[in-house]
N, C-alpha and C. Protein backbone atom coordinates (compact mmCIF):
# COMPACT_ATOMS: atom_id res chain seq x y z
N MET A 1 49.50 -0.49 48.71
CA MET A 1 50.72 -0.35 47.93
C MET A 1 51.42 -1.70 47.83
N ASN A 2 51.86 -2.06 46.62
CA ASN A 2 52.56 -3.32 46.45
C ASN A 2 53.95 -3.25 47.09
N ALA A 3 54.43 -4.42 47.47
CA ALA A 3 55.72 -4.45 48.16
C ALA A 3 56.83 -3.87 47.28
N HIS A 4 56.77 -4.18 45.97
CA HIS A 4 57.85 -3.70 45.12
C HIS A 4 57.75 -2.19 44.93
N HIS A 5 56.57 -1.61 45.15
CA HIS A 5 56.47 -0.15 45.15
C HIS A 5 57.08 0.41 46.43
N ALA A 6 56.78 -0.21 47.55
CA ALA A 6 57.25 0.29 48.83
C ALA A 6 58.77 0.22 48.94
N ASP A 7 59.37 -0.82 48.31
CA ASP A 7 60.81 -1.00 48.43
C ASP A 7 61.59 -0.16 47.41
N ARG A 8 60.89 0.48 46.50
CA ARG A 8 61.57 1.19 45.42
C ARG A 8 62.32 2.39 45.98
N THR A 9 63.55 2.57 45.52
CA THR A 9 64.32 3.75 45.89
C THR A 9 64.62 4.54 44.62
N GLY A 10 64.58 5.86 44.72
CA GLY A 10 64.85 6.70 43.56
C GLY A 10 63.65 6.80 42.66
N PRO A 11 63.79 7.55 41.57
CA PRO A 11 62.67 7.75 40.64
C PRO A 11 62.27 6.46 39.93
N ARG A 12 61.01 6.43 39.50
CA ARG A 12 60.54 5.31 38.68
C ARG A 12 61.38 5.23 37.41
N ARG A 13 61.51 4.02 36.88
CA ARG A 13 62.16 3.86 35.57
C ARG A 13 61.27 4.48 34.51
N LEU A 14 61.89 5.21 33.61
CA LEU A 14 61.19 5.82 32.49
C LEU A 14 61.80 5.27 31.21
N ILE A 15 60.96 4.74 30.34
CA ILE A 15 61.44 4.14 29.09
C ILE A 15 60.86 4.92 27.91
N LEU A 16 61.71 5.34 27.02
CA LEU A 16 61.28 6.01 25.79
C LEU A 16 61.23 4.97 24.68
N ALA A 17 60.01 4.77 24.14
CA ALA A 17 59.82 3.76 23.09
C ALA A 17 60.06 4.39 21.72
N SER A 18 61.24 4.96 21.54
CA SER A 18 61.56 5.69 20.31
C SER A 18 63.06 5.77 20.16
N GLN A 19 63.53 5.72 18.92
CA GLN A 19 64.97 5.87 18.68
C GLN A 19 65.33 7.32 18.35
N SER A 20 64.37 8.24 18.52
CA SER A 20 64.58 9.64 18.17
C SER A 20 65.57 10.32 19.12
N PRO A 21 66.73 10.77 18.62
CA PRO A 21 67.65 11.50 19.50
C PRO A 21 67.06 12.82 19.98
N ALA A 22 66.18 13.42 19.17
CA ALA A 22 65.57 14.69 19.57
C ALA A 22 64.66 14.50 20.78
N ARG A 23 63.85 13.44 20.79
CA ARG A 23 62.97 13.18 21.94
C ARG A 23 63.79 12.86 23.18
N LEU A 24 64.83 12.06 23.01
CA LEU A 24 65.69 11.73 24.14
C LEU A 24 66.33 12.99 24.70
N GLY A 25 66.77 13.88 23.81
CA GLY A 25 67.39 15.12 24.25
C GLY A 25 66.44 16.01 25.03
N LEU A 26 65.19 16.10 24.57
CA LEU A 26 64.19 16.91 25.28
C LEU A 26 63.97 16.39 26.70
N LEU A 27 63.85 15.08 26.84
CA LEU A 27 63.61 14.49 28.16
C LEU A 27 64.81 14.71 29.08
N ARG A 28 66.00 14.56 28.54
CA ARG A 28 67.20 14.76 29.36
C ARG A 28 67.33 16.22 29.80
N GLN A 29 67.02 17.15 28.89
CA GLN A 29 67.09 18.57 29.23
C GLN A 29 66.09 18.92 30.33
N ALA A 30 65.01 18.15 30.42
CA ALA A 30 63.99 18.40 31.43
C ALA A 30 64.28 17.68 32.75
N GLY A 31 65.49 17.12 32.88
CA GLY A 31 65.89 16.52 34.14
C GLY A 31 65.55 15.04 34.28
N LEU A 32 65.13 14.41 33.18
CA LEU A 32 64.76 13.00 33.22
C LEU A 32 65.88 12.15 32.64
N ALA A 33 65.87 10.87 32.95
CA ALA A 33 66.93 9.97 32.47
C ALA A 33 66.31 8.71 31.89
N PRO A 34 65.64 8.82 30.75
CA PRO A 34 64.96 7.66 30.20
C PRO A 34 65.91 6.62 29.62
N GLU A 35 65.50 5.36 29.74
CA GLU A 35 66.14 4.31 28.96
C GLU A 35 65.45 4.31 27.59
N VAL A 36 66.14 3.79 26.59
CA VAL A 36 65.56 3.74 25.26
C VAL A 36 65.36 2.28 24.85
N ILE A 37 64.14 1.93 24.47
CA ILE A 37 63.85 0.62 23.88
C ILE A 37 63.04 0.90 22.61
N VAL A 38 63.62 0.58 21.46
CA VAL A 38 62.95 0.86 20.18
C VAL A 38 61.83 -0.14 19.97
N SER A 39 60.67 0.37 19.53
CA SER A 39 59.47 -0.46 19.47
C SER A 39 59.49 -1.46 18.32
N GLY A 40 60.06 -1.08 17.19
CA GLY A 40 60.03 -1.95 16.02
C GLY A 40 58.68 -2.02 15.33
N VAL A 41 57.77 -1.12 15.68
CA VAL A 41 56.44 -1.12 15.06
C VAL A 41 56.54 -0.74 13.58
N ASP A 42 55.81 -1.47 12.74
CA ASP A 42 55.74 -1.15 11.31
C ASP A 42 54.73 -0.02 11.11
N GLU A 43 55.22 1.20 11.00
CA GLU A 43 54.33 2.36 10.93
C GLU A 43 53.44 2.34 9.70
N ASP A 44 53.95 1.76 8.60
CA ASP A 44 53.17 1.74 7.36
C ASP A 44 51.96 0.81 7.44
N ALA A 45 51.96 -0.09 8.44
CA ALA A 45 50.86 -1.06 8.55
C ALA A 45 49.65 -0.48 9.28
N LEU A 46 49.79 0.72 9.84
CA LEU A 46 48.71 1.32 10.62
C LEU A 46 48.09 2.49 9.87
N SER A 47 46.80 2.70 10.10
CA SER A 47 46.11 3.81 9.44
C SER A 47 45.05 4.38 10.39
N ALA A 48 44.55 5.56 10.05
CA ALA A 48 43.51 6.21 10.85
C ALA A 48 42.78 7.20 9.96
N ASP A 49 41.68 7.76 10.50
CA ASP A 49 40.83 8.61 9.66
C ASP A 49 41.23 10.08 9.67
N SER A 50 42.28 10.43 10.40
CA SER A 50 42.76 11.81 10.40
C SER A 50 44.23 11.82 10.80
N PRO A 51 44.99 12.85 10.42
CA PRO A 51 46.40 12.90 10.83
C PRO A 51 46.58 12.89 12.34
N ALA A 52 45.73 13.62 13.07
CA ALA A 52 45.86 13.65 14.53
C ALA A 52 45.61 12.27 15.12
N ARG A 53 44.62 11.59 14.59
CA ARG A 53 44.31 10.24 15.07
C ARG A 53 45.43 9.26 14.71
N LEU A 54 46.00 9.42 13.51
CA LEU A 54 47.09 8.54 13.09
C LEU A 54 48.28 8.69 14.02
N ALA A 55 48.62 9.92 14.38
CA ALA A 55 49.75 10.14 15.29
C ALA A 55 49.50 9.44 16.61
N LEU A 56 48.26 9.47 17.09
CA LEU A 56 47.92 8.84 18.36
C LEU A 56 47.97 7.32 18.24
N VAL A 57 47.43 6.77 17.17
CA VAL A 57 47.43 5.32 16.96
C VAL A 57 48.86 4.79 16.92
N LEU A 58 49.74 5.52 16.22
CA LEU A 58 51.13 5.10 16.12
C LEU A 58 51.83 5.18 17.48
N ALA A 59 51.57 6.27 18.23
CA ALA A 59 52.18 6.42 19.55
C ALA A 59 51.74 5.30 20.49
N GLU A 60 50.45 4.98 20.46
CA GLU A 60 49.92 3.92 21.33
C GLU A 60 50.51 2.57 20.95
N ALA A 61 50.65 2.32 19.64
CA ALA A 61 51.22 1.04 19.19
C ALA A 61 52.66 0.89 19.63
N LYS A 62 53.42 1.97 19.55
CA LYS A 62 54.83 1.93 19.97
C LYS A 62 54.93 1.67 21.48
N ALA A 63 54.13 2.40 22.26
CA ALA A 63 54.18 2.24 23.71
C ALA A 63 53.77 0.82 24.10
N ARG A 64 52.71 0.29 23.48
CA ARG A 64 52.24 -1.07 23.81
C ARG A 64 53.30 -2.11 23.48
N ALA A 65 53.93 -1.97 22.30
CA ALA A 65 54.92 -2.96 21.86
C ALA A 65 56.06 -3.07 22.86
N VAL A 66 56.48 -1.93 23.41
CA VAL A 66 57.58 -1.94 24.38
C VAL A 66 57.09 -2.37 25.77
N ALA A 67 55.89 -1.91 26.16
CA ALA A 67 55.36 -2.22 27.49
C ALA A 67 55.16 -3.72 27.68
N GLU A 68 54.94 -4.45 26.59
CA GLU A 68 54.70 -5.90 26.69
C GLU A 68 55.99 -6.69 26.90
N ARG A 69 57.11 -6.06 26.79
CA ARG A 69 58.38 -6.78 26.91
C ARG A 69 58.79 -6.92 28.38
N PRO A 70 59.40 -8.04 28.74
CA PRO A 70 59.85 -8.22 30.13
C PRO A 70 60.79 -7.11 30.60
N ALA A 71 61.58 -6.56 29.69
CA ALA A 71 62.54 -5.52 30.06
C ALA A 71 61.86 -4.23 30.54
N ALA A 72 60.55 -4.12 30.26
CA ALA A 72 59.82 -2.91 30.63
C ALA A 72 59.00 -3.08 31.91
N ALA A 73 59.24 -4.15 32.65
CA ALA A 73 58.47 -4.39 33.87
C ALA A 73 58.67 -3.26 34.87
N ASP A 74 57.57 -2.87 35.54
CA ASP A 74 57.58 -1.86 36.59
C ASP A 74 58.21 -0.55 36.12
N ALA A 75 57.80 -0.11 34.93
CA ALA A 75 58.34 1.14 34.38
C ALA A 75 57.21 1.97 33.78
N LEU A 76 57.52 3.22 33.52
CA LEU A 76 56.63 4.10 32.78
C LEU A 76 57.16 4.16 31.35
N VAL A 77 56.34 3.74 30.40
CA VAL A 77 56.76 3.68 28.99
C VAL A 77 56.11 4.83 28.23
N VAL A 78 56.92 5.60 27.52
CA VAL A 78 56.42 6.73 26.74
C VAL A 78 56.60 6.44 25.25
N GLY A 79 55.49 6.45 24.51
CA GLY A 79 55.55 6.30 23.07
C GLY A 79 55.08 7.59 22.40
N CYS A 80 55.77 8.00 21.35
CA CYS A 80 55.39 9.21 20.62
C CYS A 80 55.50 8.97 19.12
N ASP A 81 54.68 9.69 18.36
CA ASP A 81 54.85 9.68 16.91
C ASP A 81 54.34 10.99 16.35
N SER A 82 55.05 11.52 15.37
CA SER A 82 54.69 12.82 14.79
C SER A 82 54.36 12.69 13.31
N VAL A 83 53.36 13.44 12.87
CA VAL A 83 53.08 13.59 11.44
C VAL A 83 52.77 15.06 11.19
N LEU A 84 53.07 15.52 9.99
CA LEU A 84 52.72 16.87 9.60
C LEU A 84 51.41 16.83 8.82
N GLU A 85 50.44 17.62 9.27
CA GLU A 85 49.16 17.70 8.57
C GLU A 85 49.19 18.89 7.62
N LEU A 86 49.07 18.59 6.32
CA LEU A 86 49.04 19.62 5.29
C LEU A 86 47.95 19.24 4.30
N ASP A 87 47.00 20.16 4.08
CA ASP A 87 45.86 19.87 3.20
C ASP A 87 45.11 18.62 3.62
N GLY A 88 45.03 18.39 4.95
CA GLY A 88 44.28 17.24 5.46
C GLY A 88 45.01 15.91 5.34
N GLN A 89 46.22 15.93 4.79
CA GLN A 89 46.99 14.70 4.62
C GLN A 89 48.03 14.58 5.72
N ALA A 90 48.33 13.34 6.12
CA ALA A 90 49.36 13.09 7.12
C ALA A 90 50.68 12.81 6.41
N LEU A 91 51.67 13.65 6.66
CA LEU A 91 52.96 13.49 6.02
C LEU A 91 53.98 13.05 7.07
N GLY A 92 54.50 11.85 6.88
CA GLY A 92 55.54 11.35 7.77
C GLY A 92 56.91 11.61 7.18
N LYS A 93 57.80 10.66 7.32
CA LYS A 93 59.13 10.80 6.74
C LYS A 93 59.04 10.61 5.23
N PRO A 94 59.70 11.46 4.44
CA PRO A 94 59.66 11.28 2.99
C PRO A 94 60.38 10.00 2.57
N ALA A 95 59.93 9.40 1.49
CA ALA A 95 60.49 8.12 1.05
C ALA A 95 61.89 8.28 0.48
N ASP A 96 62.15 9.43 -0.16
CA ASP A 96 63.45 9.64 -0.79
C ASP A 96 63.68 11.13 -1.00
N ALA A 97 64.83 11.46 -1.57
CA ALA A 97 65.20 12.86 -1.77
C ALA A 97 64.22 13.59 -2.70
N GLU A 98 63.75 12.88 -3.69
CA GLU A 98 62.81 13.50 -4.63
C GLU A 98 61.52 13.91 -3.92
N GLU A 99 61.02 13.03 -3.06
CA GLU A 99 59.80 13.35 -2.33
C GLU A 99 60.04 14.49 -1.33
N ALA A 100 61.21 14.50 -0.70
CA ALA A 100 61.53 15.57 0.25
C ALA A 100 61.58 16.93 -0.46
N THR A 101 62.14 16.94 -1.67
CA THR A 101 62.21 18.18 -2.45
C THR A 101 60.82 18.67 -2.82
N ALA A 102 59.99 17.76 -3.32
CA ALA A 102 58.62 18.13 -3.70
C ALA A 102 57.83 18.60 -2.49
N ARG A 103 58.06 17.97 -1.33
CA ARG A 103 57.37 18.32 -0.10
C ARG A 103 57.70 19.77 0.28
N TRP A 104 58.97 20.13 0.24
CA TRP A 104 59.37 21.48 0.62
C TRP A 104 58.83 22.53 -0.35
N LYS A 105 58.80 22.19 -1.62
CA LYS A 105 58.27 23.15 -2.60
C LYS A 105 56.78 23.36 -2.39
N ALA A 106 56.09 22.33 -1.88
CA ALA A 106 54.65 22.45 -1.59
C ALA A 106 54.41 23.19 -0.28
N MET A 107 55.34 23.08 0.68
CA MET A 107 55.13 23.65 2.01
C MET A 107 55.52 25.13 2.09
N ARG A 108 56.47 25.56 1.31
CA ARG A 108 57.03 26.90 1.52
C ARG A 108 55.96 27.98 1.34
N GLY A 109 56.02 28.95 2.25
CA GLY A 109 55.04 30.03 2.23
C GLY A 109 53.69 29.66 2.81
N ARG A 110 53.59 28.47 3.36
CA ARG A 110 52.30 28.00 3.89
C ARG A 110 52.45 27.58 5.35
N SER A 111 51.35 27.17 5.94
CA SER A 111 51.36 26.67 7.32
C SER A 111 50.86 25.23 7.34
N GLY A 112 51.44 24.44 8.21
CA GLY A 112 50.98 23.07 8.45
C GLY A 112 50.81 22.88 9.95
N VAL A 113 50.22 21.77 10.33
CA VAL A 113 50.05 21.47 11.75
C VAL A 113 50.83 20.20 12.08
N LEU A 114 51.78 20.34 13.00
CA LEU A 114 52.55 19.18 13.44
C LEU A 114 51.76 18.49 14.55
N GLN A 115 51.33 17.27 14.28
CA GLN A 115 50.56 16.47 15.23
C GLN A 115 51.48 15.42 15.85
N THR A 116 51.59 15.45 17.17
CA THR A 116 52.40 14.43 17.85
C THR A 116 51.53 13.68 18.86
N GLY A 117 51.39 12.39 18.61
CA GLY A 117 50.67 11.53 19.54
C GLY A 117 51.58 11.13 20.69
N HIS A 118 51.01 11.07 21.88
CA HIS A 118 51.74 10.70 23.09
C HIS A 118 50.96 9.61 23.81
N CYS A 119 51.65 8.58 24.27
CA CYS A 119 51.00 7.53 25.08
C CYS A 119 51.95 7.13 26.19
N VAL A 120 51.43 7.12 27.42
CA VAL A 120 52.21 6.69 28.58
C VAL A 120 51.52 5.46 29.19
N ILE A 121 52.28 4.41 29.39
CA ILE A 121 51.76 3.18 30.00
C ILE A 121 52.55 2.90 31.27
N ASP A 122 51.85 2.68 32.36
CA ASP A 122 52.48 2.25 33.62
C ASP A 122 52.42 0.73 33.65
N THR A 123 53.55 0.08 33.41
CA THR A 123 53.52 -1.39 33.32
C THR A 123 53.31 -2.05 34.68
N ALA A 124 53.47 -1.28 35.76
CA ALA A 124 53.22 -1.85 37.09
C ALA A 124 51.73 -2.05 37.33
N THR A 125 50.90 -1.18 36.72
CA THR A 125 49.46 -1.23 36.95
C THR A 125 48.66 -1.56 35.69
N GLY A 126 49.27 -1.39 34.52
CA GLY A 126 48.56 -1.59 33.27
C GLY A 126 47.78 -0.37 32.83
N ALA A 127 47.77 0.69 33.65
CA ALA A 127 47.04 1.91 33.31
C ALA A 127 47.77 2.66 32.19
N HIS A 128 46.99 3.38 31.38
CA HIS A 128 47.63 4.18 30.34
C HIS A 128 46.86 5.48 30.13
N ALA A 129 47.53 6.45 29.56
CA ALA A 129 46.92 7.73 29.21
C ALA A 129 47.52 8.19 27.90
N SER A 130 46.69 8.77 27.02
CA SER A 130 47.22 9.19 25.73
C SER A 130 46.46 10.40 25.20
N ALA A 131 47.14 11.18 24.36
CA ALA A 131 46.54 12.37 23.75
C ALA A 131 47.47 12.85 22.64
N THR A 132 46.94 13.73 21.80
CA THR A 132 47.72 14.32 20.72
C THR A 132 47.89 15.81 20.96
N ALA A 133 49.11 16.31 20.75
CA ALA A 133 49.38 17.74 20.83
C ALA A 133 49.55 18.29 19.41
N SER A 134 49.06 19.50 19.18
CA SER A 134 49.09 20.10 17.84
C SER A 134 49.79 21.46 17.89
N THR A 135 50.71 21.68 16.96
CA THR A 135 51.41 22.96 16.86
C THR A 135 51.43 23.40 15.41
N THR A 136 51.02 24.64 15.16
CA THR A 136 51.04 25.18 13.80
C THR A 136 52.45 25.65 13.44
N VAL A 137 52.90 25.27 12.26
CA VAL A 137 54.24 25.64 11.78
C VAL A 137 54.09 26.53 10.54
N ARG A 138 54.72 27.72 10.59
CA ARG A 138 54.66 28.64 9.45
C ARG A 138 55.97 28.56 8.69
N PHE A 139 55.90 27.99 7.49
CA PHE A 139 57.10 27.79 6.68
C PHE A 139 57.47 29.08 5.93
N GLY A 140 58.77 29.32 5.83
CA GLY A 140 59.26 30.46 5.08
C GLY A 140 59.29 30.17 3.59
N HIS A 141 60.12 30.94 2.88
CA HIS A 141 60.19 30.83 1.42
C HIS A 141 61.61 30.48 0.96
N PRO A 142 62.12 29.31 1.33
CA PRO A 142 63.46 28.95 0.85
C PRO A 142 63.48 28.85 -0.68
N GLU A 143 64.59 29.28 -1.25
CA GLU A 143 64.75 29.19 -2.70
C GLU A 143 65.03 27.75 -3.11
N ASP A 144 64.86 27.47 -4.40
CA ASP A 144 65.09 26.10 -4.89
C ASP A 144 66.48 25.61 -4.53
N ALA A 145 67.48 26.49 -4.64
CA ALA A 145 68.86 26.08 -4.33
C ALA A 145 69.01 25.75 -2.84
N GLU A 146 68.30 26.49 -1.99
CA GLU A 146 68.36 26.21 -0.56
C GLU A 146 67.69 24.88 -0.24
N ILE A 147 66.56 24.61 -0.89
CA ILE A 147 65.88 23.33 -0.70
C ILE A 147 66.78 22.18 -1.16
N ALA A 148 67.43 22.36 -2.31
CA ALA A 148 68.32 21.31 -2.84
C ALA A 148 69.46 21.04 -1.86
N ALA A 149 70.03 22.11 -1.30
CA ALA A 149 71.13 21.94 -0.35
C ALA A 149 70.66 21.24 0.91
N TYR A 150 69.45 21.60 1.37
CA TYR A 150 68.92 20.97 2.57
C TYR A 150 68.66 19.48 2.35
N VAL A 151 68.04 19.15 1.22
CA VAL A 151 67.77 17.74 0.93
C VAL A 151 69.08 16.97 0.80
N ALA A 152 70.09 17.60 0.19
CA ALA A 152 71.39 16.93 0.02
C ALA A 152 72.06 16.64 1.36
N SER A 153 71.70 17.40 2.40
CA SER A 153 72.28 17.16 3.73
C SER A 153 71.79 15.84 4.32
N GLY A 154 70.68 15.34 3.82
CA GLY A 154 70.13 14.08 4.31
C GLY A 154 69.18 14.22 5.47
N GLU A 155 69.21 15.37 6.15
CA GLU A 155 68.40 15.53 7.37
C GLU A 155 66.91 15.29 7.16
N PRO A 156 66.29 15.85 6.10
CA PRO A 156 64.83 15.71 5.99
C PRO A 156 64.34 14.29 5.74
N LEU A 157 65.23 13.38 5.39
CA LEU A 157 64.80 12.01 5.11
C LEU A 157 64.50 11.22 6.38
N TYR A 158 64.90 11.77 7.53
CA TYR A 158 64.78 11.00 8.78
C TYR A 158 63.77 11.59 9.75
N VAL A 159 63.01 12.61 9.30
CA VAL A 159 62.11 13.29 10.23
C VAL A 159 60.72 13.48 9.63
N ALA A 160 59.70 13.43 10.49
CA ALA A 160 58.32 13.63 10.05
C ALA A 160 58.17 15.01 9.43
N GLY A 161 57.50 15.08 8.29
CA GLY A 161 57.28 16.36 7.64
C GLY A 161 58.47 16.86 6.85
N ALA A 162 59.59 16.14 6.89
CA ALA A 162 60.81 16.51 6.14
C ALA A 162 61.44 17.81 6.64
N PHE A 163 61.24 18.14 7.92
CA PHE A 163 61.86 19.34 8.47
C PHE A 163 62.11 19.14 9.96
N THR A 164 63.01 19.97 10.51
CA THR A 164 63.21 20.00 11.95
C THR A 164 63.24 21.46 12.40
N LEU A 165 62.84 21.65 13.63
CA LEU A 165 62.86 23.00 14.21
C LEU A 165 64.22 23.27 14.85
N ASP A 166 64.96 22.21 15.14
CA ASP A 166 66.22 22.34 15.87
C ASP A 166 67.40 21.90 15.02
N GLY A 167 67.26 21.95 13.70
CA GLY A 167 68.34 21.50 12.82
C GLY A 167 68.57 22.46 11.67
N ARG A 168 69.00 21.91 10.54
CA ARG A 168 69.39 22.73 9.40
C ARG A 168 68.24 23.50 8.76
N SER A 169 67.02 23.04 8.95
CA SER A 169 65.88 23.74 8.32
C SER A 169 65.33 24.86 9.19
N ALA A 170 65.90 25.08 10.38
CA ALA A 170 65.40 26.15 11.26
C ALA A 170 65.33 27.51 10.56
N PRO A 171 66.30 27.89 9.71
CA PRO A 171 66.21 29.19 9.04
C PRO A 171 65.05 29.29 8.04
N PHE A 172 64.48 28.17 7.67
CA PHE A 172 63.39 28.17 6.69
C PHE A 172 62.01 28.14 7.34
N ILE A 173 61.97 28.26 8.67
CA ILE A 173 60.70 28.25 9.40
C ILE A 173 60.50 29.62 10.03
N ASP A 174 59.46 30.33 9.61
CA ASP A 174 59.24 31.71 10.07
C ASP A 174 58.74 31.77 11.50
N GLY A 175 58.03 30.74 11.95
CA GLY A 175 57.52 30.76 13.31
C GLY A 175 56.58 29.60 13.56
N ILE A 176 56.17 29.47 14.82
CA ILE A 176 55.22 28.42 15.19
C ILE A 176 54.20 29.01 16.15
N ASP A 177 53.06 28.36 16.24
CA ASP A 177 52.03 28.73 17.21
C ASP A 177 51.77 27.49 18.06
N GLY A 178 52.31 27.49 19.28
CA GLY A 178 52.13 26.33 20.15
C GLY A 178 53.44 25.94 20.80
N ASP A 179 53.53 24.70 21.23
CA ASP A 179 54.67 24.19 21.98
C ASP A 179 55.80 23.80 21.03
N PRO A 180 56.97 24.46 21.13
CA PRO A 180 58.08 24.10 20.24
C PRO A 180 58.57 22.67 20.42
N GLY A 181 58.55 22.18 21.68
CA GLY A 181 58.97 20.81 21.92
C GLY A 181 58.14 19.80 21.14
N ASN A 182 56.87 20.11 20.96
CA ASN A 182 55.99 19.21 20.21
C ASN A 182 56.47 19.05 18.78
N VAL A 183 57.00 20.14 18.20
CA VAL A 183 57.51 20.08 16.83
C VAL A 183 58.82 19.29 16.78
N ILE A 184 59.63 19.43 17.83
CA ILE A 184 60.89 18.69 17.90
C ILE A 184 60.61 17.20 18.11
N GLY A 185 59.48 16.88 18.74
CA GLY A 185 59.13 15.46 18.85
C GLY A 185 58.37 15.03 20.08
N LEU A 186 58.31 15.92 21.10
CA LEU A 186 57.62 15.53 22.34
C LEU A 186 57.19 16.78 23.09
N SER A 187 55.92 16.83 23.47
CA SER A 187 55.41 17.97 24.25
C SER A 187 55.56 17.68 25.73
N LEU A 188 56.48 18.38 26.37
CA LEU A 188 56.69 18.16 27.81
C LEU A 188 55.47 18.57 28.64
N PRO A 189 54.75 19.66 28.31
CA PRO A 189 53.54 19.98 29.07
C PRO A 189 52.48 18.87 28.98
N LEU A 190 52.34 18.29 27.77
CA LEU A 190 51.37 17.20 27.63
C LEU A 190 51.85 15.97 28.39
N LEU A 191 53.14 15.67 28.31
CA LEU A 191 53.67 14.52 29.05
C LEU A 191 53.40 14.69 30.54
N ARG A 192 53.59 15.90 31.05
CA ARG A 192 53.31 16.15 32.47
C ARG A 192 51.86 15.84 32.82
N ARG A 193 50.94 16.24 31.95
CA ARG A 193 49.51 15.99 32.22
C ARG A 193 49.19 14.49 32.16
N LEU A 194 49.78 13.79 31.20
CA LEU A 194 49.51 12.35 31.07
C LEU A 194 50.08 11.59 32.27
N LEU A 195 51.27 11.97 32.71
CA LEU A 195 51.85 11.33 33.90
C LEU A 195 50.96 11.58 35.12
N ALA A 196 50.44 12.81 35.23
CA ALA A 196 49.57 13.13 36.37
C ALA A 196 48.31 12.27 36.36
N GLU A 197 47.78 11.99 35.15
CA GLU A 197 46.60 11.11 35.05
C GLU A 197 46.90 9.74 35.63
N LEU A 198 48.16 9.32 35.55
CA LEU A 198 48.56 8.01 36.06
C LEU A 198 49.09 8.08 37.49
N GLY A 199 48.97 9.26 38.09
CA GLY A 199 49.35 9.40 39.50
C GLY A 199 50.83 9.65 39.74
N THR A 200 51.55 10.09 38.70
CA THR A 200 52.97 10.36 38.84
C THR A 200 53.25 11.83 38.55
N GLY A 201 53.94 12.50 39.46
CA GLY A 201 54.36 13.87 39.19
C GLY A 201 55.66 13.88 38.41
N ILE A 202 55.76 14.75 37.42
CA ILE A 202 56.98 14.75 36.60
C ILE A 202 58.20 15.09 37.44
N THR A 203 58.01 15.89 38.50
CA THR A 203 59.17 16.22 39.35
C THR A 203 59.65 15.00 40.13
N ASP A 204 58.77 14.00 40.30
CA ASP A 204 59.19 12.76 40.97
C ASP A 204 60.16 11.96 40.11
N LEU A 205 60.20 12.27 38.80
CA LEU A 205 61.07 11.54 37.88
C LEU A 205 62.39 12.26 37.64
N TRP A 206 62.52 13.45 38.22
CA TRP A 206 63.77 14.21 38.04
C TRP A 206 64.93 13.44 38.62
N GLN A 207 66.05 13.52 37.93
CA GLN A 207 67.29 12.95 38.45
C GLN A 207 67.95 13.96 39.39
N PRO A 208 68.71 13.47 40.38
CA PRO A 208 69.41 14.42 41.25
C PRO A 208 70.36 15.27 40.43
N PRO A 209 70.46 16.56 40.73
CA PRO A 209 71.38 17.41 39.97
C PRO A 209 72.82 16.96 40.15
N THR A 210 73.58 17.04 39.05
CA THR A 210 74.99 16.66 39.14
C THR A 210 75.79 17.87 39.64
N ARG A 211 76.71 17.60 40.51
CA ARG A 211 77.49 18.70 41.10
C ARG A 211 78.80 18.89 40.35
């Protein structure tokens, strides 16, 4: 064991390589206290041969970009990225309101698969673990006026697939098959498995309960 490991008190530092408030909220609700360092990765510059692979490539790129920074020394860095797979295509954030409207009209009454890539890097050892979690989303049948109102809210312009499970579009989603957290942005069960691969128990990262 390295000296700096032996001298460490309290949980390991956990860094979320994402500016997503939804991902940060999920981690906090699970008893973790991540720091946030935004990766700055140009998502449009990366590509892959499938939506699931693209989500993983993006997650790994985000985690690597943050792990290489001095501020991330001796920490566990978590990178995530989500895309919606519909008709074999990877749908990220819509470019504008027009695209968001067209996206919803194409999705309603159908099912898509939300693919979220996860990558964890231990900067103390250089070890990493990564995988993609998949959740099927069954879209309801919102009327054109409801879609217009939703797009006008601005929410779908900032999220993969132009929808959220925990926001204004929740009434337009009939159900999901799989982990709901994965649709919100991060699969806690998968994160637990990836941390275990790196020799860290997720309960070791819990913050002391506040009294």
